[in-house]
């Protein structure tokens, strides 16, 4: 099976590549390696899979030095001609789209980046899947589509038409676009709503990374809404396991499109999460209490019963274990004693 994975210099994308290679798949990775956060971390993720920084060139496939079944290409989703050429040449069986501009707060400052990447870029994915048919398109949505939903846990059947950030609006648009292409052209497509993913190789703009870094550098942390927030923190391995369950099982509905939550389904109060980091690291935080940020939500909580009923999905990594694993990786990667 030949699979295109976009966003493979990213946190989830890099982990998905490893899982697919272990399954014996042929993988082509793609990423534009933008500067939203430290590109050294992105190149390190690529190097971990055998893609050397010095070998990466725009629009050119680079073979992994660690696995003959993996190649990488630096390309932007908005490169329509480049995407067409890649699809026509490679003939993919499955596409897993994990690329796109991430971050709720950044979308308030840089709205055009989100529309270009998450809407126009996703349109190019859909058009390529239409013109060069695939057996399954899996694409990243987000828990942010639930907005200020007061019904918890969040169910895939809940209304998602009141986003509180442009990022959330672009992710909801992806679901609508994918549905329309499934309806019009019969493209088997599955959207996955991720819930606060964390773990080794994680994103440095997210709270788990920021808090851990602050703990080790003895810096204060910003605690928004005075700590009165909760998040369904989901360890990276549980996210990847959920995606692997979906890989070869597209929807059999009349319109071959469906959406699944992938989360831990056990929200953690922010102050409890902070205490867990303190316990694991043996450090105490100095906290700067802040008001709620624009675009933020009070709680995320995944109802994963659909994924559980259809595929037997059960997350297995506790927050304590996950933070311990993340802490050990962080110390090793950054050389912290």
Foldseek 3Di string as FASTA:
>chain_A
DEEEEEPCLADLNLVLVVVCVVVVYQYEYEYQLDPPDDSVLSQVSVVVQQDHPVQADALDWAARPVGRSYIYHNDALLPLVSLLVVCVPPLGQEYEYPDADDDQVVCVVPVVRRCSRLPNSLVSVLVSCQVRPHNEYEYEAALQLCAQDPDPPDDPPDDRPDGQGSSSVSSVVSQVVLLVSLLPRVHQYEYEHEWAEDFFSHDCVDDLNVLLVCQLVVHADECEQQQQAKTQYAYSVLVSVLCVLCGNPFAPDPRRYDYFYRTQQDIDRRVVLSVLSCVLVVGDHDYDYHYHDRRDYRYHGHDGVVSCVVRVRHGDADSNRRSNRRSVNVCVVVVGD
